[in-house]
Amino acid sequence: MFPPYDAPLTSGQRFILLVLTLVFPPLLFVYVVAFYWFRDTYPQRAQSIAGVGFTFMQGVLLVVLLVAVFQFLASLAARF
C-alpha cells in the first residue's frame, strides 16, 4: 500500500516532538509547514506529524479549560 520509507512516526519520536514543543512552542508552525510539504509525497508521515501538533493543541485546550473551571470554583468559594 505505502512504501516502507513512508512509515509514520514511532511513539518515541512523537513523544520527543511533544516534549520539544513544550520547550519551544513555535515548533507548531514547523508541523504545519511539514504537513503541507510532505502531504503528497509521504502522506503517512505527514499525518503523523500533524497528529503531534493536534495532540499538543488538545493538551493546551485541556489546561485552559481546567484553569477556567478552577478559577470559577475559586470565585464561587470566595463568595461564601
N, C-alpha and C. Protein backbone atom coordinates (compact mmCIF):
# COMPACT_ATOMS: atom_id res chain seq x y z
N MET A 1 0.84 -1.19 0.00
CA MET A 1 0.00 0.00 0.00
C MET A 1 0.88 1.25 0.00
N PHE A 2 1.62 1.48 1.07
CA PHE A 2 2.54 2.60 1.13
C PHE A 2 3.97 2.07 1.15
N PRO A 3 4.89 2.80 0.57
CA PRO A 3 6.28 2.34 0.58
C PRO A 3 6.86 2.36 2.00
N PRO A 4 7.87 1.54 2.28
CA PRO A 4 8.42 1.47 3.64
C PRO A 4 9.05 2.77 4.12
N TYR A 5 9.53 3.62 3.22
CA TYR A 5 10.14 4.88 3.66
C TYR A 5 9.09 5.91 4.07
N ASP A 6 7.81 5.59 3.87
CA ASP A 6 6.73 6.49 4.28
C ASP A 6 6.10 6.00 5.58
N ALA A 7 6.90 5.47 6.47
CA ALA A 7 6.37 4.97 7.74
C ALA A 7 5.99 6.13 8.64
N PRO A 8 4.89 5.98 9.39
CA PRO A 8 4.53 7.04 10.34
C PRO A 8 5.55 7.11 11.47
N LEU A 9 5.52 8.20 12.20
CA LEU A 9 6.43 8.35 13.32
C LEU A 9 6.15 7.30 14.39
N THR A 10 7.21 6.85 15.05
CA THR A 10 7.02 5.91 16.14
C THR A 10 6.53 6.66 17.37
N SER A 11 6.08 5.93 18.37
CA SER A 11 5.59 6.57 19.59
C SER A 11 6.70 7.34 20.28
N GLY A 12 7.92 6.83 20.24
CA GLY A 12 9.05 7.54 20.84
C GLY A 12 9.34 8.85 20.12
N GLN A 13 9.29 8.83 18.80
CA GLN A 13 9.50 10.05 18.04
C GLN A 13 8.42 11.08 18.32
N ARG A 14 7.17 10.63 18.41
CA ARG A 14 6.08 11.56 18.72
C ARG A 14 6.26 12.15 20.11
N PHE A 15 6.68 11.33 21.08
CA PHE A 15 6.89 11.81 22.44
C PHE A 15 7.99 12.87 22.48
N ILE A 16 9.09 12.62 21.79
CA ILE A 16 10.19 13.59 21.75
C ILE A 16 9.72 14.89 21.13
N LEU A 17 8.93 14.82 20.05
CA LEU A 17 8.42 16.04 19.42
C LEU A 17 7.48 16.79 20.35
N LEU A 18 6.66 16.07 21.12
CA LEU A 18 5.77 16.75 22.07
C LEU A 18 6.57 17.45 23.16
N VAL A 19 7.61 16.81 23.67
CA VAL A 19 8.45 17.43 24.69
C VAL A 19 9.16 18.65 24.12
N LEU A 20 9.68 18.54 22.91
CA LEU A 20 10.33 19.69 22.28
C LEU A 20 9.35 20.83 22.05
N THR A 21 8.10 20.51 21.75
CA THR A 21 7.09 21.54 21.54
C THR A 21 6.76 22.24 22.85
N LEU A 22 6.79 21.51 23.96
CA LEU A 22 6.59 22.15 25.27
C LEU A 22 7.70 23.16 25.56
N VAL A 23 8.92 22.83 25.17
CA VAL A 23 10.06 23.71 25.42
C VAL A 23 10.07 24.86 24.42
N PHE A 24 9.70 24.58 23.18
CA PHE A 24 9.78 25.58 22.11
C PHE A 24 8.48 25.57 21.30
N PRO A 25 7.43 26.26 21.80
CA PRO A 25 6.10 26.21 21.14
C PRO A 25 6.05 26.65 19.67
N PRO A 26 6.94 27.50 19.18
CA PRO A 26 6.86 27.83 17.74
C PRO A 26 7.07 26.63 16.82
N LEU A 27 7.42 25.48 17.37
CA LEU A 27 7.51 24.28 16.53
C LEU A 27 6.18 23.92 15.90
N LEU A 28 5.08 24.42 16.46
CA LEU A 28 3.77 24.14 15.86
C LEU A 28 3.71 24.63 14.42
N PHE A 29 4.36 25.76 14.15
CA PHE A 29 4.38 26.26 12.77
C PHE A 29 5.20 25.35 11.87
N VAL A 30 6.24 24.75 12.43
CA VAL A 30 7.05 23.79 11.66
C VAL A 30 6.21 22.57 11.31
N TYR A 31 5.34 22.13 12.22
CA TYR A 31 4.48 20.98 11.95
C TYR A 31 3.51 21.29 10.81
N VAL A 32 2.99 22.49 10.79
CA VAL A 32 2.07 22.87 9.71
C VAL A 32 2.79 22.89 8.37
N VAL A 33 3.98 23.48 8.35
CA VAL A 33 4.76 23.53 7.11
C VAL A 33 5.15 22.11 6.68
N ALA A 34 5.57 21.28 7.63
CA ALA A 34 5.96 19.91 7.28
C ALA A 34 4.78 19.11 6.75
N PHE A 35 3.60 19.34 7.31
CA PHE A 35 2.43 18.62 6.81
C PHE A 35 2.17 18.96 5.36
N TYR A 36 2.17 20.25 5.04
CA TYR A 36 1.90 20.64 3.66
C TYR A 36 3.04 20.27 2.72
N TRP A 37 4.25 20.21 3.24
CA TRP A 37 5.40 19.85 2.41
C TRP A 37 5.35 18.36 2.04
N PHE A 38 4.99 17.52 3.01
CA PHE A 38 5.05 16.07 2.81
C PHE A 38 3.72 15.42 2.44
N ARG A 39 2.64 16.15 2.38
CA ARG A 39 1.32 15.52 2.24
C ARG A 39 1.15 14.77 0.92
N ASP A 40 1.82 15.18 -0.14
CA ASP A 40 1.67 14.48 -1.42
C ASP A 40 2.68 13.35 -1.59
N THR A 41 3.89 13.56 -1.09
CA THR A 41 4.93 12.56 -1.30
C THR A 41 4.98 11.51 -0.19
N TYR A 42 4.76 11.91 1.05
CA TYR A 42 4.79 10.99 2.20
C TYR A 42 3.53 11.19 3.04
N PRO A 43 2.38 10.69 2.61
CA PRO A 43 1.13 11.00 3.31
C PRO A 43 1.04 10.46 4.73
N GLN A 44 1.58 9.26 4.98
CA GLN A 44 1.53 8.73 6.35
C GLN A 44 2.40 9.55 7.29
N ARG A 45 3.56 9.94 6.82
CA ARG A 45 4.46 10.75 7.65
C ARG A 45 3.82 12.11 7.91
N ALA A 46 3.18 12.68 6.92
CA ALA A 46 2.54 13.99 7.09
C ALA A 46 1.40 13.91 8.10
N GLN A 47 0.60 12.85 8.03
CA GLN A 47 -0.49 12.69 9.01
C GLN A 47 0.06 12.51 10.41
N SER A 48 1.16 11.82 10.53
CA SER A 48 1.76 11.59 11.84
C SER A 48 2.30 12.89 12.42
N ILE A 49 2.92 13.70 11.61
CA ILE A 49 3.44 15.00 12.06
C ILE A 49 2.29 15.91 12.47
N ALA A 50 1.24 15.92 11.68
CA ALA A 50 0.07 16.74 12.02
C ALA A 50 -0.58 16.25 13.31
N GLY A 51 -0.54 14.95 13.53
CA GLY A 51 -1.09 14.39 14.76
C GLY A 51 -0.37 14.87 16.00
N VAL A 52 0.94 15.07 15.90
CA VAL A 52 1.70 15.59 17.04
C VAL A 52 1.24 17.01 17.38
N GLY A 53 1.09 17.84 16.37
CA GLY A 53 0.61 19.20 16.62
C GLY A 53 -0.80 19.21 17.16
N PHE A 54 -1.66 18.34 16.65
CA PHE A 54 -3.04 18.25 17.12
C PHE A 54 -3.08 17.80 18.58
N THR A 55 -2.25 16.82 18.93
CA THR A 55 -2.20 16.34 20.31
C THR A 55 -1.73 17.45 21.25
N PHE A 56 -0.75 18.22 20.82
CA PHE A 56 -0.27 19.33 21.64
C PHE A 56 -1.37 20.36 21.86
N MET A 57 -2.11 20.68 20.80
CA MET A 57 -3.17 21.67 20.93
C MET A 57 -4.31 21.15 21.82
N GLN A 58 -4.58 19.85 21.80
CA GLN A 58 -5.57 19.28 22.70
C GLN A 58 -5.13 19.44 24.15
N GLY A 59 -3.84 19.24 24.40
CA GLY A 59 -3.31 19.43 25.75
C GLY A 59 -3.43 20.87 26.21
N VAL A 60 -3.15 21.80 25.31
CA VAL A 60 -3.27 23.22 25.65
C VAL A 60 -4.73 23.55 25.98
N LEU A 61 -5.65 23.06 25.17
CA LEU A 61 -7.07 23.31 25.42
C LEU A 61 -7.51 22.71 26.75
N LEU A 62 -7.03 21.53 27.07
CA LEU A 62 -7.37 20.90 28.35
C LEU A 62 -6.87 21.73 29.52
N VAL A 63 -5.66 22.23 29.44
CA VAL A 63 -5.11 23.06 30.52
C VAL A 63 -5.92 24.34 30.67
N VAL A 64 -6.27 24.98 29.56
CA VAL A 64 -7.06 26.21 29.60
C VAL A 64 -8.42 25.95 30.24
N LEU A 65 -9.06 24.86 29.86
CA LEU A 65 -10.36 24.54 30.45
C LEU A 65 -10.26 24.24 31.94
N LEU A 66 -9.24 23.52 32.35
CA LEU A 66 -9.07 23.23 33.77
C LEU A 66 -8.82 24.50 34.58
N VAL A 67 -8.01 25.39 34.06
CA VAL A 67 -7.74 26.65 34.75
C VAL A 67 -9.03 27.47 34.86
N ALA A 68 -9.82 27.51 33.80
CA ALA A 68 -11.08 28.26 33.84
C ALA A 68 -12.04 27.67 34.86
N VAL A 69 -12.13 26.36 34.93
CA VAL A 69 -13.02 25.71 35.90
C VAL A 69 -12.56 26.00 37.32
N PHE A 70 -11.26 25.89 37.58
CA PHE A 70 -10.76 26.16 38.93
C PHE A 70 -10.93 27.63 39.33
N GLN A 71 -10.77 28.54 38.38
CA GLN A 71 -11.00 29.95 38.69
C GLN A 71 -12.47 30.20 39.00
N PHE A 72 -13.35 29.55 38.26
CA PHE A 72 -14.77 29.69 38.52
C PHE A 72 -15.13 29.15 39.91
N LEU A 73 -14.60 27.98 40.23
CA LEU A 73 -14.87 27.40 41.54
C LEU A 73 -14.27 28.24 42.65
N ALA A 74 -13.10 28.82 42.44
CA ALA A 74 -12.50 29.68 43.45
C ALA A 74 -13.32 30.94 43.65
N SER A 75 -13.89 31.49 42.57
CA SER A 75 -14.73 32.69 42.72
C SER A 75 -16.03 32.35 43.46
N LEU A 76 -16.56 31.15 43.23
CA LEU A 76 -17.75 30.74 43.95
C LEU A 76 -17.43 30.53 45.44
N ALA A 77 -16.29 29.95 45.73
CA ALA A 77 -15.89 29.72 47.13
C ALA A 77 -15.61 31.01 47.85
N ALA A 78 -15.15 32.04 47.14
CA ALA A 78 -14.83 33.32 47.77
C ALA A 78 -16.11 34.08 48.19
N ARG A 79 -17.23 33.75 47.54
CA ARG A 79 -18.48 34.43 47.87
C ARG A 79 -19.06 33.95 49.19
N PHE A 80 -18.75 32.73 49.58
CA PHE A 80 -19.35 32.16 50.79
C PHE A 80 -18.45 32.27 51.96
